[in-house]
Amino acid sequence: MSFRFFIRFLFVFVVNSLVSQESIDKNSVENLFLEYTKKPREVSFAHINKSTFIKGEYLGFTTYNLNKETKNLSNITFNLFCTITDKNEKVIKKKLLKVENGIANNVFKIDSLFSSGEYKFMVYTNWMKNFKEQNFFVQTFKVIDPEIN
């Protein structure tokens, strides 16, 4: 009796699986790709004031959001995320900045949260997370703690 039940279950499962498969239309895939590539893209770039800091100094920066096609300043973004991470990708500091006419600037204090080592400064928008391309800005910098040999 259990063998018959198993056969019936298997039959129902296989038939259901075959019926539930959708045929993929070539045109729909092409349309999805065209829709994905039509969305406006931005690229973030930043200048930081130097590449090595002594604890207690300030990391100053200016960011530029550019239209990826025209390479002109972009007016799409109003919010910009800036983060500093350590070698383990743990966020040490972060800020949300207001972007005006594609430009934003600010500072991070290199304070007691930092020890001697290498860190990453990253600038990105939420919109950039929608795409596979790496359109955000990343730069490494060093911190020196003068109290540690």
N, C-alpha and C. Protein backbone atom coordinates (compact mmCIF):
# COMPACT_ATOMS: atom_id res chain seq x y z
N MET A 1 0.82 -1.20 0.00
CA MET A 1 0.00 0.00 0.00
C MET A 1 0.86 1.25 0.00
N SER A 2 1.94 1.29 0.75
CA SER A 2 2.79 2.46 0.79
C SER A 2 3.52 2.66 -0.53
N PHE A 3 3.80 1.56 -1.25
CA PHE A 3 4.45 1.67 -2.55
C PHE A 3 3.54 2.39 -3.54
N ARG A 4 2.24 2.06 -3.53
CA ARG A 4 1.27 2.73 -4.42
C ARG A 4 1.18 4.22 -4.07
N PHE A 5 1.16 4.49 -2.79
CA PHE A 5 1.12 5.90 -2.36
C PHE A 5 2.35 6.65 -2.86
N PHE A 6 3.50 6.02 -2.74
CA PHE A 6 4.75 6.63 -3.20
C PHE A 6 4.71 6.90 -4.70
N ILE A 7 4.23 5.94 -5.48
CA ILE A 7 4.12 6.10 -6.94
C ILE A 7 3.17 7.23 -7.28
N ARG A 8 2.03 7.29 -6.64
CA ARG A 8 1.07 8.38 -6.88
C ARG A 8 1.68 9.74 -6.53
N PHE A 9 2.34 9.78 -5.37
CA PHE A 9 2.99 11.03 -4.95
C PHE A 9 4.05 11.45 -5.96
N LEU A 10 4.85 10.52 -6.41
CA LEU A 10 5.90 10.81 -7.38
C LEU A 10 5.29 11.31 -8.68
N PHE A 11 4.24 10.68 -9.14
CA PHE A 11 3.57 11.09 -10.37
C PHE A 11 3.03 12.52 -10.25
N VAL A 12 2.34 12.80 -9.15
CA VAL A 12 1.78 14.14 -8.93
C VAL A 12 2.91 15.18 -8.85
N PHE A 13 3.97 14.83 -8.18
CA PHE A 13 5.10 15.75 -8.03
C PHE A 13 5.75 16.06 -9.38
N VAL A 14 5.98 15.02 -10.19
CA VAL A 14 6.63 15.20 -11.50
C VAL A 14 5.73 16.00 -12.43
N VAL A 15 4.44 15.66 -12.49
CA VAL A 15 3.51 16.39 -13.36
C VAL A 15 3.42 17.84 -12.93
N ASN A 16 3.34 18.09 -11.64
CA ASN A 16 3.26 19.46 -11.12
C ASN A 16 4.52 20.23 -11.48
N SER A 17 5.67 19.60 -11.40
CA SER A 17 6.92 20.28 -11.73
C SER A 17 6.98 20.63 -13.20
N LEU A 18 6.51 19.74 -14.05
CA LEU A 18 6.54 20.00 -15.49
C LEU A 18 5.58 21.12 -15.87
N VAL A 19 4.42 21.15 -15.25
CA VAL A 19 3.42 22.17 -15.56
C VAL A 19 3.87 23.53 -15.04
N SER A 20 4.57 23.55 -13.92
CA SER A 20 4.93 24.83 -13.32
C SER A 20 6.12 25.51 -14.00
N GLN A 21 6.82 24.82 -14.88
CA GLN A 21 7.95 25.44 -15.58
C GLN A 21 7.42 26.44 -16.59
N GLU A 22 7.96 27.66 -16.52
CA GLU A 22 7.59 28.69 -17.48
C GLU A 22 8.55 28.67 -18.64
N SER A 23 8.02 28.87 -19.81
CA SER A 23 8.93 28.99 -20.94
C SER A 23 9.48 30.42 -20.94
N ILE A 24 10.76 30.54 -21.18
CA ILE A 24 11.41 31.86 -21.15
C ILE A 24 11.37 32.44 -22.55
N ASP A 25 10.77 33.58 -22.65
CA ASP A 25 10.66 34.27 -23.92
C ASP A 25 11.93 35.08 -24.15
N LYS A 26 12.56 34.90 -25.29
CA LYS A 26 13.79 35.62 -25.62
C LYS A 26 13.57 37.13 -25.59
N ASN A 27 12.42 37.56 -26.06
CA ASN A 27 12.13 39.00 -26.09
C ASN A 27 11.99 39.58 -24.68
N SER A 28 11.42 38.80 -23.76
CA SER A 28 11.26 39.32 -22.40
C SER A 28 12.62 39.48 -21.72
N VAL A 29 13.55 38.56 -21.97
CA VAL A 29 14.90 38.68 -21.41
C VAL A 29 15.60 39.89 -22.00
N GLU A 30 15.45 40.07 -23.29
CA GLU A 30 16.07 41.22 -23.96
C GLU A 30 15.48 42.53 -23.42
N ASN A 31 14.16 42.56 -23.23
CA ASN A 31 13.52 43.76 -22.70
C ASN A 31 13.98 44.06 -21.28
N LEU A 32 14.13 43.02 -20.47
CA LEU A 32 14.63 43.22 -19.10
C LEU A 32 16.05 43.79 -19.12
N PHE A 33 16.88 43.28 -20.02
CA PHE A 33 18.26 43.79 -20.13
C PHE A 33 18.26 45.26 -20.56
N LEU A 34 17.45 45.59 -21.56
CA LEU A 34 17.39 46.97 -22.03
C LEU A 34 16.87 47.90 -20.94
N GLU A 35 15.90 47.44 -20.18
CA GLU A 35 15.36 48.22 -19.07
C GLU A 35 16.42 48.46 -18.00
N TYR A 36 17.20 47.42 -17.72
CA TYR A 36 18.28 47.51 -16.72
C TYR A 36 19.35 48.51 -17.17
N THR A 37 19.71 48.49 -18.44
CA THR A 37 20.78 49.37 -18.91
C THR A 37 20.32 50.80 -19.16
N LYS A 38 19.02 51.04 -19.24
CA LYS A 38 18.52 52.40 -19.44
C LYS A 38 18.55 53.25 -18.18
N LYS A 39 18.57 52.60 -17.03
CA LYS A 39 18.52 53.34 -15.78
C LYS A 39 19.75 54.23 -15.66
N PRO A 40 19.56 55.46 -15.18
CA PRO A 40 20.71 56.37 -15.08
C PRO A 40 21.75 55.85 -14.09
N ARG A 41 23.00 55.99 -14.47
CA ARG A 41 24.10 55.51 -13.63
C ARG A 41 24.93 56.70 -13.17
N GLU A 42 25.43 56.57 -11.97
CA GLU A 42 26.33 57.56 -11.41
C GLU A 42 27.62 56.87 -10.99
N VAL A 43 28.68 57.65 -10.95
CA VAL A 43 29.96 57.17 -10.44
C VAL A 43 30.40 58.17 -9.38
N SER A 44 30.85 57.66 -8.25
CA SER A 44 31.36 58.54 -7.19
C SER A 44 32.88 58.57 -7.24
N PHE A 45 33.41 59.74 -6.98
CA PHE A 45 34.85 59.93 -6.89
C PHE A 45 35.10 60.85 -5.70
N ALA A 46 36.25 60.69 -5.06
CA ALA A 46 36.56 61.54 -3.91
C ALA A 46 38.04 61.87 -3.87
N HIS A 47 38.34 62.99 -3.27
CA HIS A 47 39.71 63.39 -2.95
C HIS A 47 39.81 63.41 -1.44
N ILE A 48 40.84 62.76 -0.89
CA ILE A 48 41.09 62.92 0.54
C ILE A 48 42.38 63.71 0.69
N ASN A 49 42.52 64.41 1.82
CA ASN A 49 43.61 65.37 1.96
C ASN A 49 45.00 64.75 2.02
N LYS A 50 45.13 63.49 2.42
CA LYS A 50 46.42 62.80 2.37
C LYS A 50 46.21 61.31 2.57
N SER A 51 47.28 60.54 2.46
CA SER A 51 47.13 59.08 2.53
C SER A 51 47.64 58.48 3.83
N THR A 52 48.31 59.25 4.67
CA THR A 52 48.78 58.77 5.97
C THR A 52 48.44 59.81 7.03
N PHE A 53 47.82 59.33 8.12
CA PHE A 53 47.36 60.22 9.17
C PHE A 53 47.95 59.81 10.51
N ILE A 54 48.23 60.79 11.33
CA ILE A 54 48.64 60.54 12.71
C ILE A 54 47.38 60.70 13.56
N LYS A 55 47.22 59.82 14.51
CA LYS A 55 46.05 59.84 15.38
C LYS A 55 45.84 61.26 15.93
N GLY A 56 44.62 61.75 15.82
CA GLY A 56 44.30 63.10 16.26
C GLY A 56 44.09 64.06 15.09
N GLU A 57 44.55 63.69 13.90
CA GLU A 57 44.36 64.54 12.72
C GLU A 57 42.97 64.33 12.13
N TYR A 58 42.67 65.11 11.11
CA TYR A 58 41.38 65.03 10.43
C TYR A 58 41.57 64.55 9.00
N LEU A 59 40.72 63.62 8.59
CA LEU A 59 40.67 63.19 7.19
C LEU A 59 39.63 64.09 6.53
N GLY A 60 40.09 65.00 5.69
CA GLY A 60 39.18 65.87 4.96
C GLY A 60 38.96 65.32 3.56
N PHE A 61 37.75 65.49 3.04
CA PHE A 61 37.47 64.94 1.72
C PHE A 61 36.42 65.76 0.98
N THR A 62 36.50 65.69 -0.34
CA THR A 62 35.49 66.25 -1.23
C THR A 62 35.07 65.14 -2.17
N THR A 63 33.76 64.99 -2.37
CA THR A 63 33.24 63.94 -3.24
C THR A 63 32.56 64.55 -4.46
N TYR A 64 32.59 63.80 -5.55
CA TYR A 64 31.96 64.21 -6.80
C TYR A 64 31.12 63.05 -7.31
N ASN A 65 29.86 63.30 -7.57
CA ASN A 65 28.99 62.29 -8.20
C ASN A 65 28.83 62.69 -9.65
N LEU A 66 29.23 61.79 -10.54
CA LEU A 66 29.22 62.07 -11.96
C LEU A 66 28.23 61.18 -12.69
N ASN A 67 27.61 61.73 -13.74
CA ASN A 67 26.80 60.95 -14.64
C ASN A 67 27.76 60.04 -15.41
N LYS A 68 27.50 58.75 -15.40
CA LYS A 68 28.45 57.80 -16.00
C LYS A 68 28.60 58.00 -17.51
N GLU A 69 27.56 58.43 -18.19
CA GLU A 69 27.63 58.61 -19.64
C GLU A 69 28.30 59.92 -20.02
N THR A 70 27.84 61.02 -19.42
CA THR A 70 28.32 62.34 -19.85
C THR A 70 29.57 62.80 -19.10
N LYS A 71 29.86 62.17 -17.96
CA LYS A 71 30.99 62.53 -17.08
C LYS A 71 30.84 63.93 -16.48
N ASN A 72 29.62 64.47 -16.52
CA ASN A 72 29.33 65.75 -15.88
C ASN A 72 28.80 65.50 -14.47
N LEU A 73 28.85 66.52 -13.63
CA LEU A 73 28.30 66.40 -12.28
C LEU A 73 26.83 66.01 -12.37
N SER A 74 26.42 65.09 -11.51
CA SER A 74 25.06 64.57 -11.54
C SER A 74 24.20 65.26 -10.49
N ASN A 75 22.95 65.51 -10.86
CA ASN A 75 21.99 66.11 -9.93
C ASN A 75 20.98 65.09 -9.43
N ILE A 76 21.22 63.81 -9.67
CA ILE A 76 20.28 62.76 -9.26
C ILE A 76 20.36 62.53 -7.76
N THR A 77 21.56 62.47 -7.23
CA THR A 77 21.77 62.10 -5.83
C THR A 77 21.66 63.28 -4.89
N PHE A 78 20.99 63.05 -3.76
CA PHE A 78 20.92 64.06 -2.71
C PHE A 78 21.57 63.57 -1.42
N ASN A 79 21.72 62.25 -1.28
CA ASN A 79 22.32 61.65 -0.09
C ASN A 79 23.52 60.81 -0.49
N LEU A 80 24.58 60.92 0.29
CA LEU A 80 25.80 60.18 0.01
C LEU A 80 26.30 59.54 1.30
N PHE A 81 26.63 58.27 1.24
CA PHE A 81 27.16 57.55 2.39
C PHE A 81 28.68 57.53 2.31
N CYS A 82 29.33 57.85 3.42
CA CYS A 82 30.78 57.81 3.53
C CYS A 82 31.11 56.93 4.73
N THR A 83 31.98 55.95 4.52
CA THR A 83 32.35 55.05 5.61
C THR A 83 33.85 54.86 5.66
N ILE A 84 34.33 54.54 6.85
CA ILE A 84 35.71 54.12 7.05
C ILE A 84 35.65 52.74 7.68
N THR A 85 36.33 51.76 7.05
CA THR A 85 36.35 50.40 7.56
C THR A 85 37.77 49.96 7.86
N ASP A 86 37.89 49.00 8.77
CA ASP A 86 39.22 48.47 9.09
C ASP A 86 39.54 47.29 8.17
N LYS A 87 40.64 46.61 8.45
CA LYS A 87 41.08 45.50 7.59
C LYS A 87 40.11 44.33 7.61
N ASN A 88 39.23 44.25 8.62
CA ASN A 88 38.23 43.19 8.71
C ASN A 88 36.88 43.61 8.14
N GLU A 89 36.85 44.75 7.45
CA GLU A 89 35.62 45.31 6.85
C GLU A 89 34.61 45.77 7.89
N LYS A 90 35.05 45.97 9.13
CA LYS A 90 34.17 46.49 10.18
C LYS A 90 34.12 48.01 10.04
N VAL A 91 32.92 48.56 10.06
CA VAL A 91 32.75 50.01 9.92
C VAL A 91 33.21 50.69 11.22
N ILE A 92 34.19 51.58 11.09
CA ILE A 92 34.71 52.33 12.23
C ILE A 92 33.92 53.63 12.38
N LYS A 93 33.71 54.34 11.26
CA LYS A 93 32.94 55.58 11.26
C LYS A 93 32.12 55.66 9.98
N LYS A 94 30.99 56.37 10.07
CA LYS A 94 30.16 56.57 8.88
C LYS A 94 29.41 57.87 8.99
N LYS A 95 29.09 58.42 7.83
CA LYS A 95 28.32 59.66 7.75
C LYS A 95 27.38 59.61 6.56
N LEU A 96 26.28 60.31 6.68
CA LEU A 96 25.36 60.53 5.58
C LEU A 96 25.43 62.01 5.25
N LEU A 97 25.83 62.33 4.01
CA LEU A 97 26.01 63.72 3.63
C LEU A 97 24.96 64.18 2.64
N LYS A 98 24.67 65.46 2.69
CA LYS A 98 23.80 66.08 1.70
C LYS A 98 24.66 66.49 0.50
N VAL A 99 24.23 66.08 -0.69
CA VAL A 99 24.95 66.40 -1.93
C VAL A 99 24.24 67.56 -2.61
N GLU A 100 25.01 68.57 -2.98
CA GLU A 100 24.45 69.71 -3.70
C GLU A 100 25.18 69.86 -5.02
N ASN A 101 24.43 69.79 -6.12
CA ASN A 101 24.98 69.90 -7.47
C ASN A 101 26.11 68.90 -7.71
N GLY A 102 25.97 67.70 -7.15
CA GLY A 102 26.93 66.63 -7.38
C GLY A 102 28.16 66.66 -6.50
N ILE A 103 28.25 67.61 -5.57
CA ILE A 103 29.45 67.76 -4.75
C ILE A 103 29.08 67.76 -3.26
N ALA A 104 29.93 67.12 -2.46
CA ALA A 104 29.78 67.15 -1.00
C ALA A 104 31.17 67.11 -0.39
N ASN A 105 31.30 67.68 0.80
CA ASN A 105 32.59 67.59 1.50
C ASN A 105 32.35 67.55 2.99
N ASN A 106 33.35 67.01 3.71
CA ASN A 106 33.23 66.87 5.14
C ASN A 106 34.57 66.39 5.69
N VAL A 107 34.59 66.05 6.98
CA VAL A 107 35.80 65.53 7.64
C VAL A 107 35.44 64.38 8.58
N PHE A 108 36.41 63.51 8.79
CA PHE A 108 36.36 62.49 9.82
C PHE A 108 37.54 62.74 10.74
N LYS A 109 37.32 62.71 12.05
CA LYS A 109 38.43 62.84 12.98
C LYS A 109 39.04 61.45 13.20
N ILE A 110 40.35 61.38 13.07
CA ILE A 110 41.08 60.14 13.34
C ILE A 110 41.33 60.13 14.85
N ASP A 111 40.40 59.54 15.58
CA ASP A 111 40.42 59.63 17.05
C ASP A 111 40.76 58.29 17.69
N SER A 112 40.31 58.08 18.91
CA SER A 112 40.67 56.90 19.69
C SER A 112 40.11 55.60 19.11
N LEU A 113 39.17 55.66 18.17
CA LEU A 113 38.65 54.46 17.54
C LEU A 113 39.67 53.82 16.59
N PHE A 114 40.70 54.57 16.25
CA PHE A 114 41.71 54.11 15.31
C PHE A 114 42.98 53.68 16.03
N SER A 115 43.62 52.66 15.50
CA SER A 115 44.95 52.27 15.96
C SER A 115 45.83 52.23 14.72
N SER A 116 47.11 52.00 14.91
CA SER A 116 48.01 51.94 13.75
C SER A 116 47.55 50.84 12.80
N GLY A 117 47.50 51.17 11.53
CA GLY A 117 47.08 50.17 10.54
C GLY A 117 46.53 50.81 9.28
N GLU A 118 45.98 49.97 8.42
CA GLU A 118 45.44 50.41 7.15
C GLU A 118 43.91 50.38 7.21
N TYR A 119 43.28 51.39 6.61
CA TYR A 119 41.83 51.53 6.61
C TYR A 119 41.35 51.84 5.20
N LYS A 120 40.04 51.66 4.98
CA LYS A 120 39.42 51.98 3.69
C LYS A 120 38.40 53.10 3.87
N PHE A 121 38.49 54.07 2.98
CA PHE A 121 37.51 55.15 2.91
C PHE A 121 36.63 54.84 1.71
N MET A 122 35.30 54.79 1.91
CA MET A 122 34.38 54.44 0.83
C MET A 122 33.26 55.46 0.72
N VAL A 123 32.88 55.77 -0.53
CA VAL A 123 31.81 56.71 -0.83
C VAL A 123 30.85 56.02 -1.80
N TYR A 124 29.55 56.05 -1.47
CA TYR A 124 28.56 55.40 -2.33
C TYR A 124 27.17 55.98 -2.08
N THR A 125 26.25 55.68 -2.99
CA THR A 125 24.84 56.04 -2.82
C THR A 125 24.02 54.76 -2.74
N ASN A 126 22.81 54.88 -2.23
CA ASN A 126 21.91 53.72 -2.22
C ASN A 126 21.60 53.24 -3.63
N TRP A 127 21.47 54.17 -4.57
CA TRP A 127 21.14 53.84 -5.95
C TRP A 127 22.21 52.94 -6.56
N MET A 128 23.46 53.14 -6.18
CA MET A 128 24.56 52.34 -6.73
C MET A 128 24.45 50.86 -6.35
N LYS A 129 23.75 50.57 -5.27
CA LYS A 129 23.59 49.18 -4.83
C LYS A 129 22.67 48.39 -5.76
N ASN A 130 21.93 49.08 -6.66
CA ASN A 130 21.02 48.40 -7.57
C ASN A 130 21.72 47.74 -8.74
N PHE A 131 23.01 48.00 -8.92
CA PHE A 131 23.72 47.53 -10.09
C PHE A 131 24.92 46.69 -9.69
N LYS A 132 25.33 45.82 -10.59
CA LYS A 132 26.47 44.94 -10.31
C LYS A 132 27.80 45.67 -10.47
N GLU A 133 27.83 46.72 -11.28
CA GLU A 133 29.07 47.44 -11.50
C GLU A 133 29.52 48.13 -10.21
N GLN A 134 30.82 48.24 -10.04
CA GLN A 134 31.36 48.95 -8.87
C GLN A 134 31.52 50.42 -9.24
N ASN A 135 30.49 51.20 -8.95
CA ASN A 135 30.50 52.62 -9.26
C ASN A 135 30.83 53.48 -8.05
N PHE A 136 31.14 52.84 -6.94
CA PHE A 136 31.46 53.58 -5.73
C PHE A 136 32.97 53.80 -5.66
N PHE A 137 33.37 54.67 -4.76
CA PHE A 137 34.78 55.04 -4.61
C PHE A 137 35.36 54.39 -3.37
N VAL A 138 36.57 53.82 -3.50
CA VAL A 138 37.27 53.23 -2.37
C VAL A 138 38.74 53.66 -2.44
N GLN A 139 39.26 54.10 -1.30
CA GLN A 139 40.68 54.43 -1.21
C GLN A 139 41.21 53.98 0.15
N THR A 140 42.39 53.40 0.15
CA THR A 140 42.99 52.98 1.40
C THR A 140 43.89 54.10 1.94
N PHE A 141 44.02 54.13 3.25
CA PHE A 141 44.92 55.09 3.89
C PHE A 141 45.48 54.45 5.16
N LYS A 142 46.56 55.03 5.66
CA LYS A 142 47.21 54.49 6.85
C LYS A 142 47.03 55.44 8.02
N VAL A 143 47.00 54.85 9.21
CA VAL A 143 46.95 55.61 10.46
C VAL A 143 48.14 55.19 11.29
N ILE A 144 48.81 56.17 11.87
CA ILE A 144 49.93 55.92 12.75
C ILE A 144 49.56 56.42 14.15
N ASP A 145 49.71 55.53 15.11
CA ASP A 145 49.50 55.90 16.52
C ASP A 145 50.90 56.16 17.11
N PRO A 146 51.24 57.43 17.40
CA PRO A 146 52.60 57.73 17.86
C PRO A 146 52.92 57.16 19.24
N GLU A 147 51.92 56.76 19.99
CA GLU A 147 52.16 56.20 21.32
C GLU A 147 52.55 54.73 21.27
N ILE A 148 52.38 54.11 20.09
CA ILE A 148 52.73 52.69 19.92
C ILE A 148 53.98 52.64 19.07
N ASN A 149 54.97 51.86 19.50
CA ASN A 149 56.21 51.73 18.72
C ASN A 149 55.94 51.08 17.40
